[in-house]
N, C-alpha and C. Protein backbone atom coordinates (compact mmCIF):
# COMPACT_ATOMS: atom_id res chain seq x y z
N MET A 1 -14.12 67.96 73.83
CA MET A 1 -13.20 68.88 74.20
C MET A 1 -13.58 69.91 74.25
N ASP A 2 -13.60 71.06 75.14
CA ASP A 2 -14.32 72.23 74.51
C ASP A 2 -13.17 72.87 73.60
N LYS A 3 -13.72 73.87 72.48
CA LYS A 3 -12.97 74.73 71.45
C LYS A 3 -12.65 75.49 72.38
N GLN A 4 -11.20 76.38 71.98
CA GLN A 4 -10.78 77.71 72.44
C GLN A 4 -11.32 78.51 72.07
N PRO A 5 -11.76 79.42 72.72
CA PRO A 5 -12.79 80.64 72.50
C PRO A 5 -12.06 81.59 71.62
N ASN A 6 -12.26 82.63 70.87
CA ASN A 6 -11.26 83.52 70.28
C ASN A 6 -11.11 84.56 71.30
N ARG A 7 -9.51 84.72 71.17
CA ARG A 7 -9.04 85.85 71.75
C ARG A 7 -8.97 87.43 71.33
N MET A 8 -8.93 87.03 69.96
CA MET A 8 -9.06 88.20 69.13
C MET A 8 -10.41 89.47 69.79
N ILE A 9 -11.32 89.34 69.80
CA ILE A 9 -12.50 90.09 69.67
C ILE A 9 -12.14 90.91 71.47
N PRO A 10 -11.26 90.01 72.62
CA PRO A 10 -11.38 90.68 73.61
C PRO A 10 -9.98 92.10 73.25
N VAL A 11 -9.09 91.28 72.38
CA VAL A 11 -8.14 92.16 72.59
C VAL A 11 -8.40 93.47 71.82
N LEU A 12 -9.32 92.95 70.93
CA LEU A 12 -9.85 94.53 70.26
C LEU A 12 -10.70 95.29 70.88
N TYR A 13 -11.67 94.81 72.08
CA TYR A 13 -11.64 95.58 73.11
C TYR A 13 -11.43 96.33 74.01
N GLY A 14 -10.13 95.84 74.77
CA GLY A 14 -9.01 96.04 75.33
C GLY A 14 -8.65 97.41 74.53
N THR A 15 -8.00 97.17 73.00
CA THR A 15 -7.51 97.94 72.65
C THR A 15 -8.57 99.12 72.55
N PHE A 16 -9.35 98.91 71.93
CA PHE A 16 -10.75 99.70 71.94
C PHE A 16 -10.69 100.78 73.00
N VAL A 17 -10.76 100.67 74.26
CA VAL A 17 -10.66 101.03 75.60
C VAL A 17 -9.31 101.58 75.79
N MET A 18 -8.47 101.27 76.01
CA MET A 18 -6.85 101.74 76.38
C MET A 18 -7.01 103.22 75.37
N THR A 19 -7.00 102.69 73.99
CA THR A 19 -7.01 104.08 72.89
C THR A 19 -7.95 105.12 73.43
N MET A 20 -9.14 105.00 73.48
CA MET A 20 -10.05 106.04 73.77
C MET A 20 -9.76 106.55 74.40
N ILE A 21 -9.44 106.09 76.12
CA ILE A 21 -8.89 106.77 77.25
C ILE A 21 -8.00 107.65 76.92
N SER A 22 -6.89 107.07 76.17
CA SER A 22 -5.44 107.69 76.18
C SER A 22 -6.02 108.72 74.88
N VAL A 23 -6.56 109.18 74.13
CA VAL A 23 -6.39 109.86 73.07
C VAL A 23 -7.74 111.25 73.18
N LEU A 24 -9.13 110.50 73.80
CA LEU A 24 -10.07 111.43 74.04
C LEU A 24 -9.50 112.74 75.32
N PRO A 25 -9.79 114.23 74.58
CA PRO A 25 -9.35 114.70 75.13
C PRO A 25 -10.58 114.78 77.32
N PHE A 26 -9.66 115.45 77.91
CA PHE A 26 -10.33 115.27 79.33
C PHE A 26 -10.18 114.23 80.18
N ILE A 27 -10.22 112.70 79.04
CA ILE A 27 -10.80 111.76 79.65
C ILE A 27 -9.04 111.43 80.04
N ASN A 28 -8.39 111.51 79.01
CA ASN A 28 -6.88 111.08 78.59
C ASN A 28 -6.10 110.98 80.16
N PHE A 29 -6.67 112.55 81.20
CA PHE A 29 -5.98 112.66 82.77
C PHE A 29 -5.74 111.40 83.48
N ILE A 30 -7.11 110.43 83.25
CA ILE A 30 -6.86 108.93 83.65
C ILE A 30 -5.43 108.66 84.00
N ASN A 31 -4.78 109.17 82.35
CA ASN A 31 -3.16 108.32 82.45
C ASN A 31 -2.55 108.66 83.01
N ILE A 32 -2.62 110.14 84.04
CA ILE A 32 -1.81 110.88 85.17
C ILE A 32 -1.88 109.67 86.17
N PHE A 33 -2.44 109.25 86.59
CA PHE A 33 -2.28 108.12 87.79
C PHE A 33 -2.45 106.47 87.56
N PHE A 34 -0.92 106.78 87.60
CA PHE A 34 -0.38 105.31 86.85
C PHE A 34 -1.32 104.78 85.64
N CYS A 35 -0.97 105.44 84.76
CA CYS A 35 -1.62 104.70 83.64
C CYS A 35 -2.25 104.04 83.83
N ALA A 36 -3.34 104.60 84.32
CA ALA A 36 -4.96 104.08 85.05
C ALA A 36 -5.88 103.44 83.62
N GLY A 37 -5.64 104.09 82.66
CA GLY A 37 -7.02 104.09 81.43
C GLY A 37 -5.67 102.79 80.95
N ILE A 38 -4.75 102.99 80.57
CA ILE A 38 -4.07 101.65 80.01
C ILE A 38 -4.57 100.46 81.03
N ILE A 39 -4.38 100.75 82.38
CA ILE A 39 -4.53 99.17 83.20
C ILE A 39 -5.84 99.21 82.86
N ILE A 40 -6.88 100.05 82.62
CA ILE A 40 -8.18 99.77 82.73
C ILE A 40 -8.62 98.81 81.14
N GLY A 41 -8.01 99.49 80.35
CA GLY A 41 -7.81 98.55 78.66
C GLY A 41 -7.51 97.53 79.23
N GLY A 42 -6.74 96.75 79.87
CA GLY A 42 -6.10 95.28 79.89
C GLY A 42 -6.91 94.63 80.69
N PHE A 43 -7.80 94.94 81.18
CA PHE A 43 -8.45 94.35 82.55
C PHE A 43 -10.15 94.58 81.91
N ALA A 44 -10.35 95.10 80.87
CA ALA A 44 -11.41 95.19 80.50
C ALA A 44 -11.32 94.21 79.24
N GLY A 45 -10.34 94.26 78.66
CA GLY A 45 -10.00 92.84 77.74
C GLY A 45 -10.28 91.54 78.16
N VAL A 46 -9.72 91.15 79.60
CA VAL A 46 -9.72 90.19 80.42
C VAL A 46 -11.11 89.86 80.44
N MET A 47 -12.44 90.72 81.26
CA MET A 47 -13.23 90.68 81.31
C MET A 47 -14.18 90.43 79.87
N SER A 48 -14.02 91.03 78.98
CA SER A 48 -14.48 90.28 78.08
C SER A 48 -14.01 88.68 77.46
N TYR A 49 -13.25 88.07 77.51
CA TYR A 49 -12.37 87.24 77.30
C TYR A 49 -13.55 86.32 78.31
N ASN A 50 -12.82 86.54 79.92
CA ASN A 50 -14.01 85.67 80.53
C ASN A 50 -15.16 85.24 80.38
N ARG A 51 -16.25 86.54 79.67
CA ARG A 51 -17.07 86.74 79.27
C ARG A 51 -17.41 85.31 78.09
N GLN A 52 -16.45 84.95 77.33
CA GLN A 52 -16.74 83.86 76.49
C GLN A 52 -16.56 82.81 77.32
N LEU A 53 -15.52 82.64 78.26
CA LEU A 53 -14.81 81.49 78.71
C LEU A 53 -16.60 80.83 79.34
N GLN A 54 -17.22 81.49 79.81
CA GLN A 54 -18.45 81.66 80.78
C GLN A 54 -19.39 80.32 79.50
N GLY A 55 -19.82 79.20 80.47
CA GLY A 55 -20.31 78.32 79.74
C GLY A 55 -19.25 76.94 79.61
N THR A 56 -18.53 77.32 79.34
CA THR A 56 -17.42 75.97 79.07
C THR A 56 -16.43 75.49 80.32
N GLN A 57 -15.88 74.72 80.09
CA GLN A 57 -15.43 74.14 81.09
C GLN A 57 -13.63 74.49 81.20
N ILE A 58 -13.42 75.80 80.46
CA ILE A 58 -11.93 76.13 80.31
C ILE A 58 -11.80 77.02 81.79
N GLU A 59 -11.00 77.29 82.57
CA GLU A 59 -10.13 77.80 83.26
C GLU A 59 -9.75 79.17 83.35
N LEU A 60 -9.94 80.26 83.30
CA LEU A 60 -8.70 81.91 82.92
C LEU A 60 -7.28 81.40 83.43
N THR A 61 -6.62 81.61 82.93
CA THR A 61 -5.33 81.24 83.56
C THR A 61 -4.70 82.47 83.14
N SER A 62 -3.32 82.66 83.69
CA SER A 62 -2.56 83.92 83.76
C SER A 62 -2.11 84.63 82.85
N LYS A 63 -1.35 83.12 81.72
CA LYS A 63 -1.31 83.25 80.60
C LYS A 63 -1.74 83.75 80.24
N ASP A 64 -2.93 83.42 79.82
CA ASP A 64 -3.94 84.39 78.90
C ASP A 64 -4.03 85.76 79.34
N GLY A 65 -4.18 86.12 80.70
CA GLY A 65 -4.05 87.69 80.76
C GLY A 65 -3.12 88.36 80.57
N VAL A 66 -1.83 87.76 80.55
CA VAL A 66 -0.92 87.99 80.03
C VAL A 66 -1.09 88.04 78.26
N MET A 67 -1.15 87.48 77.90
CA MET A 67 -1.12 87.75 76.13
C MET A 67 -1.74 88.30 76.09
N ILE A 68 -3.18 88.73 76.67
CA ILE A 68 -4.47 89.57 76.17
C ILE A 68 -4.21 91.11 76.20
N GLY A 69 -3.72 91.32 77.51
CA GLY A 69 -2.79 92.79 78.27
C GLY A 69 -1.80 93.12 77.23
N ILE A 70 -1.04 92.10 76.74
CA ILE A 70 0.38 92.68 75.60
C ILE A 70 0.01 92.63 74.63
N LEU A 71 -0.83 92.38 73.60
CA LEU A 71 -1.28 92.54 72.73
C LEU A 71 -2.62 93.39 72.67
N CYS A 72 -3.57 93.58 73.42
CA CYS A 72 -4.00 95.32 73.40
C CYS A 72 -3.05 96.34 73.46
N GLY A 73 -1.94 96.21 74.14
CA GLY A 73 -0.87 97.03 74.48
C GLY A 73 -0.29 97.54 73.21
N ILE A 74 0.09 96.63 72.48
CA ILE A 74 0.69 96.79 71.27
C ILE A 74 -0.16 97.70 70.15
N LEU A 75 -1.21 96.61 70.41
CA LEU A 75 -2.41 97.36 69.04
C LEU A 75 -2.22 99.33 69.62
N SER A 76 -2.85 99.18 70.86
CA SER A 76 -3.12 100.65 71.57
C SER A 76 -1.95 101.76 71.27
N GLY A 77 -0.66 100.95 71.53
CA GLY A 77 0.28 102.15 71.53
C GLY A 77 0.68 102.09 69.83
N ILE A 78 0.08 101.52 69.13
CA ILE A 78 0.31 102.29 67.82
C ILE A 78 -0.42 102.94 67.01
N LEU A 79 -2.19 102.70 67.44
CA LEU A 79 -2.88 103.27 67.61
C LEU A 79 -2.65 104.76 67.76
N VAL A 80 -2.36 104.92 69.33
CA VAL A 80 -2.33 106.29 70.14
C VAL A 80 -0.98 106.67 69.23
N SER A 81 0.15 106.53 69.00
CA SER A 81 1.32 107.02 68.30
C SER A 81 0.74 107.51 67.01
N SER A 82 -0.20 106.72 66.36
CA SER A 82 -0.77 107.54 64.65
C SER A 82 -1.55 108.27 65.32
N PHE A 83 -2.70 108.46 65.77
CA PHE A 83 -3.80 109.36 66.46
C PHE A 83 -2.44 110.81 66.50
N ASN A 84 -1.61 110.86 67.68
CA ASN A 84 -0.88 111.62 68.02
C ASN A 84 -0.19 112.33 66.72
N PHE A 85 0.33 111.40 65.76
CA PHE A 85 1.48 112.27 64.84
C PHE A 85 0.15 112.61 63.21
N ALA A 86 -0.85 111.65 63.25
CA ALA A 86 -2.15 112.68 62.82
C ALA A 86 -2.28 113.86 62.81
N PHE A 87 -2.46 114.05 64.06
CA PHE A 87 -2.15 115.29 65.16
C PHE A 87 -1.92 116.35 64.72
N MET A 88 -0.28 115.72 64.94
CA MET A 88 0.72 116.89 64.90
C MET A 88 0.43 117.67 63.73
N LEU A 89 0.35 116.28 62.44
CA LEU A 89 0.38 116.91 60.99
C LEU A 89 -0.21 117.85 60.74
N MET A 90 -1.73 117.83 61.20
CA MET A 90 -3.04 118.74 61.00
C MET A 90 -2.76 119.92 62.00
N THR A 91 -2.37 120.35 62.71
CA THR A 91 -2.02 121.20 63.79
C THR A 91 -0.60 121.95 63.13
N LYS A 92 -1.15 123.28 63.21
CA LYS A 92 -0.08 124.16 62.42
C LYS A 92 1.21 124.89 63.52
N HIS A 93 1.00 124.73 64.50
CA HIS A 93 1.74 125.66 65.64
C HIS A 93 2.96 124.64 65.86
N ASN A 94 3.86 125.09 66.29
CA ASN A 94 5.24 123.90 67.14
C ASN A 94 5.37 124.11 68.37
N PRO A 95 4.93 122.77 69.24
CA PRO A 95 5.00 122.77 70.51
C PRO A 95 6.37 123.23 71.36
N VAL A 96 7.22 122.74 70.28
CA VAL A 96 8.44 123.12 70.83
C VAL A 96 8.69 124.31 71.13
N ASP A 97 8.70 125.53 70.52
CA ASP A 97 8.68 126.86 70.41
C ASP A 97 7.85 127.63 71.85
N GLU A 98 6.59 126.42 71.68
CA GLU A 98 4.88 127.31 73.12
C GLU A 98 6.22 126.42 74.47
N SER A 99 6.84 125.19 74.37
CA SER A 99 7.55 124.95 75.46
C SER A 99 9.09 125.31 76.22
N LEU A 100 9.28 126.13 74.84
CA LEU A 100 10.47 126.81 75.24
C LEU A 100 10.06 128.47 75.57
N ALA A 101 8.92 129.11 75.21
CA ALA A 101 8.57 129.99 75.37
C ALA A 101 8.36 130.44 77.09
N LEU A 102 7.88 128.63 77.59
CA LEU A 102 7.38 128.36 79.00
C LEU A 102 8.36 128.14 79.62
N LEU A 103 9.66 127.83 79.53
CA LEU A 103 10.77 127.47 79.91
C LEU A 103 11.91 128.21 79.73
N LYS A 104 11.82 129.67 79.45
CA LYS A 104 12.72 130.88 79.75
C LYS A 104 12.93 131.40 80.68
N ASP A 105 12.04 131.40 81.88
CA ASP A 105 12.76 131.41 83.24
C ASP A 105 13.66 130.76 83.71
N ILE A 106 13.56 129.51 82.97
CA ILE A 106 14.04 128.39 84.21
C ILE A 106 15.64 128.15 82.85
N SER A 107 16.42 127.85 83.96
CA SER A 107 17.28 128.12 83.57
C SER A 107 18.07 126.53 83.19
N LEU A 108 18.20 126.37 81.98
CA LEU A 108 18.29 124.50 81.38
C LEU A 108 19.36 124.54 81.20
N PRO A 109 20.31 123.46 81.34
CA PRO A 109 21.86 123.26 80.99
C PRO A 109 21.57 123.21 79.32
N PRO A 110 22.39 123.86 78.63
CA PRO A 110 22.87 124.09 77.28
C PRO A 110 22.64 122.99 75.92
N GLU A 111 23.03 121.63 76.44
CA GLU A 111 22.84 120.56 75.88
C GLU A 111 21.14 120.38 75.65
N VAL A 112 20.59 120.35 76.69
CA VAL A 112 18.80 120.54 76.82
C VAL A 112 18.78 121.68 75.65
N MET A 113 18.77 122.64 75.40
CA MET A 113 18.53 124.10 74.30
C MET A 113 19.09 123.41 73.19
N VAL A 114 20.02 122.77 73.33
CA VAL A 114 20.75 122.97 71.83
C VAL A 114 19.42 121.38 71.27
N GLN A 115 19.17 120.42 71.45
CA GLN A 115 18.10 119.39 71.44
C GLN A 115 16.85 119.92 70.95
N MET A 116 16.41 120.96 72.14
CA MET A 116 14.69 121.34 71.68
C MET A 116 14.84 122.50 70.94
N ASN A 117 16.19 122.94 70.42
CA ASN A 117 16.05 124.04 69.03
C ASN A 117 16.05 123.07 67.78
N LYS A 118 17.08 121.83 68.17
CA LYS A 118 16.91 120.62 66.98
C LYS A 118 15.57 120.11 66.36
N PHE A 119 14.64 119.87 67.79
CA PHE A 119 13.29 119.53 67.95
C PHE A 119 12.43 120.62 66.82
N SER A 120 12.40 122.00 67.32
CA SER A 120 11.89 123.13 66.67
C SER A 120 12.48 123.15 65.44
N ASP A 121 13.51 122.85 64.75
CA ASP A 121 13.70 122.90 63.43
C ASP A 121 13.17 121.86 62.61
N GLU A 122 13.07 120.71 63.51
CA GLU A 122 12.82 119.52 62.51
C GLU A 122 10.67 120.36 62.88
N PHE A 123 10.50 120.73 63.11
CA PHE A 123 8.82 121.08 63.14
C PHE A 123 8.74 122.46 62.27
N ASN A 124 9.78 122.99 62.30
CA ASN A 124 9.36 124.18 60.87
C ASN A 124 10.05 123.78 60.13
N LYS A 125 10.31 122.98 59.62
CA LYS A 125 10.81 122.37 58.39
C LYS A 125 9.84 121.06 57.40
N TYR A 126 9.36 120.24 58.24
CA TYR A 126 8.78 118.94 57.84
C TYR A 126 6.94 119.22 58.37
N GLY A 127 7.19 120.28 59.73
CA GLY A 127 5.64 119.97 59.97
C GLY A 127 5.35 119.20 61.04
N PHE A 128 6.12 118.72 61.64
CA PHE A 128 6.49 117.55 62.98
C PHE A 128 7.92 117.43 63.13
N SER A 129 7.87 116.30 63.98
CA SER A 129 9.68 116.40 64.36
C SER A 129 9.59 114.76 64.32
N PRO A 130 10.17 114.17 62.98
CA PRO A 130 10.43 112.90 63.12
C PRO A 130 11.38 112.40 63.95
N THR A 131 11.64 112.79 65.13
CA THR A 131 12.62 111.93 66.34
C THR A 131 11.61 112.14 67.17
N ILE A 132 10.93 112.91 67.74
CA ILE A 132 9.87 113.26 68.49
C ILE A 132 8.64 112.20 68.29
N SER A 133 8.07 111.78 66.95
CA SER A 133 7.26 111.06 66.21
C SER A 133 7.81 109.57 66.65
N ILE A 134 9.05 109.09 66.77
CA ILE A 134 9.70 107.64 66.36
C ILE A 134 10.01 107.36 68.26
N VAL A 135 10.63 108.47 68.76
CA VAL A 135 10.67 108.34 69.90
C VAL A 135 9.30 108.16 71.53
N SER A 136 8.43 108.87 70.27
CA SER A 136 6.78 108.45 70.93
C SER A 136 6.40 107.03 70.55
N LEU A 137 6.40 106.13 69.79
CA LEU A 137 6.37 105.26 69.49
C LEU A 137 7.23 104.51 70.09
N ILE A 138 8.39 104.32 69.82
CA ILE A 138 8.56 103.09 70.96
C ILE A 138 8.71 103.19 72.07
N SER A 139 8.56 104.63 72.66
CA SER A 139 8.04 104.33 74.78
C SER A 139 6.64 103.91 74.08
N ASN A 140 6.14 104.02 73.32
CA ASN A 140 4.12 103.97 73.53
C ASN A 140 4.19 101.93 73.05
N LEU A 141 5.03 101.39 72.49
CA LEU A 141 5.27 100.05 72.30
C LEU A 141 6.05 99.78 73.96
N ILE A 142 6.59 100.22 74.60
CA ILE A 142 7.05 99.91 75.86
C ILE A 142 6.13 99.99 76.96
N ILE A 143 5.74 101.47 77.24
CA ILE A 143 4.43 101.39 78.45
C ILE A 143 3.28 100.64 77.92
N TYR A 144 2.95 100.66 76.98
CA TYR A 144 1.08 100.19 77.28
C TYR A 144 0.87 98.72 77.03
N PRO A 145 2.16 97.84 76.60
CA PRO A 145 1.84 96.43 76.76
C PRO A 145 2.64 96.23 78.09
N LEU A 146 2.99 96.97 78.59
CA LEU A 146 3.60 96.57 80.59
C LEU A 146 2.14 96.77 81.10
N PHE A 147 1.58 98.33 80.84
CA PHE A 147 0.79 98.59 81.93
C PHE A 147 -0.64 97.55 81.79
N GLY A 148 -0.88 96.96 80.38
CA GLY A 148 -1.53 96.81 79.92
C GLY A 148 -2.09 95.00 80.15
N MET A 149 -0.41 94.41 80.34
CA MET A 149 -0.50 93.33 81.01
C MET A 149 -0.97 93.50 82.59
N ILE A 150 -0.47 94.79 83.14
CA ILE A 150 -0.65 94.91 84.62
C ILE A 150 -2.45 94.96 85.00
N GLY A 151 -3.17 95.26 84.04
CA GLY A 151 -4.74 95.48 83.71
C GLY A 151 -5.02 94.22 83.70
N ALA A 152 -4.37 93.18 82.47
CA ALA A 152 -5.03 91.94 82.83
C ALA A 152 -4.55 91.21 83.72
N ILE A 153 -3.25 91.12 84.42
CA ILE A 153 -2.92 90.37 85.59
C ILE A 153 -3.71 90.76 86.83
N LEU A 154 -4.06 91.76 86.81
CA LEU A 154 -5.19 91.93 88.15
C LEU A 154 -6.76 91.54 87.76
N GLY A 155 -7.19 91.93 86.32
CA GLY A 155 -8.01 91.63 85.44
C GLY A 155 -8.33 89.56 86.20
N VAL A 156 -7.37 88.84 85.64
CA VAL A 156 -7.34 87.72 85.94
C VAL A 156 -7.43 87.34 87.79
N SER A 157 -6.94 87.94 87.94
CA SER A 157 -6.78 88.07 89.79
C SER A 157 -7.97 88.37 89.99
N VAL A 158 -8.69 89.46 90.15
CA VAL A 158 -10.52 89.29 90.43
C VAL A 158 -11.44 88.70 90.19
N ILE A 159 -11.24 88.27 88.74
CA ILE A 159 -11.70 86.80 88.12
C ILE A 159 -11.72 85.75 89.61
N LYS A 160 -10.80 85.54 89.14
CA LYS A 160 -10.06 83.99 89.98
C LYS A 160 -10.73 84.04 91.57
N LYS A 161 -10.44 85.65 92.06
CA LYS A 161 -10.70 85.52 93.63
C LYS A 161 -12.79 85.38 93.59
N ARG A 162 -13.10 86.09 92.98
CA ARG A 162 -14.80 86.27 92.51
C ARG A 162 -15.42 84.54 92.63
N ASN A 163 -14.14 83.67 91.83
CA ASN A 163 -14.85 82.43 91.38
C ASN A 163 -14.31 81.63 92.79
N GLN A 164 -13.78 81.95 93.15
CA GLN A 164 -12.99 80.97 94.53
C GLN A 164 -14.65 81.21 95.35
N LYS A 165 -14.76 82.34 95.53
CA LYS A 165 -15.96 83.04 96.51
C LYS A 165 -17.38 82.40 96.40
N ILE A 166 -17.32 82.23 94.84
CA ILE A 166 -18.76 81.94 94.78
C ILE A 166 -18.80 80.47 94.83
N ILE A 167 -18.16 79.68 94.92
CA ILE A 167 -17.67 78.07 94.78
C ILE A 167 -17.63 78.00 96.43
N GLN A 168 -16.94 78.56 97.22
CA GLN A 168 -17.25 78.60 98.58
C GLN A 168 -18.74 78.62 99.39
N GLN A 169 -19.26 79.72 98.64
CA GLN A 169 -20.47 79.52 98.66
C GLN A 169 -21.41 78.79 98.66
N GLN A 170 -21.38 77.92 97.42
CA GLN A 170 -22.02 76.89 96.86
C GLN A 170 -21.45 75.86 97.56
N ASN A 171 -20.37 75.31 98.45
CA ASN A 171 -19.63 74.28 99.31
C ASN A 171 -20.57 74.62 100.52
N LYS A 172 -21.00 75.72 100.68
CA LYS A 172 -22.23 75.83 102.04
C LYS A 172 -23.15 75.02 102.30
N PHE A 173 -23.40 75.48 100.96
CA PHE A 173 -25.41 74.51 101.14
C PHE A 173 -25.30 73.56 101.00
């Protein structure tokens, strides 16, 4: 019986790809297109896992892809939130004040202005906004695993389709 390959290395590889695409300036614009950077990270994790499976009798399954994509997303969501939090602490400017200055010509509902002012007060008091940090972490823990899983499922389907073509070509000869 074949020994099951280690999924941790592909998870770390996919996490690295997701995190770097999300954190690096200008490269992070890839995520504007339906979180493409996160999808690429899930895809990369599955491709890495498939390389481990080559030479064994173990077949890549959708379950493997889903697990790798979700784990990559969870780890990357935590790392990206941590990087964003650290960046918030290192910078001395208040981004909420900058947003309010940009939105001064737009009439926003009073409730929105009250919340924006609360966030601005948090930045002025603590040097960061605990509310924005927590909301960012929660949203990253939803978005990153979801799109990482989508990328991993796409990776599994591409690999399976490629393997079917190879088998069909071998049967012709």
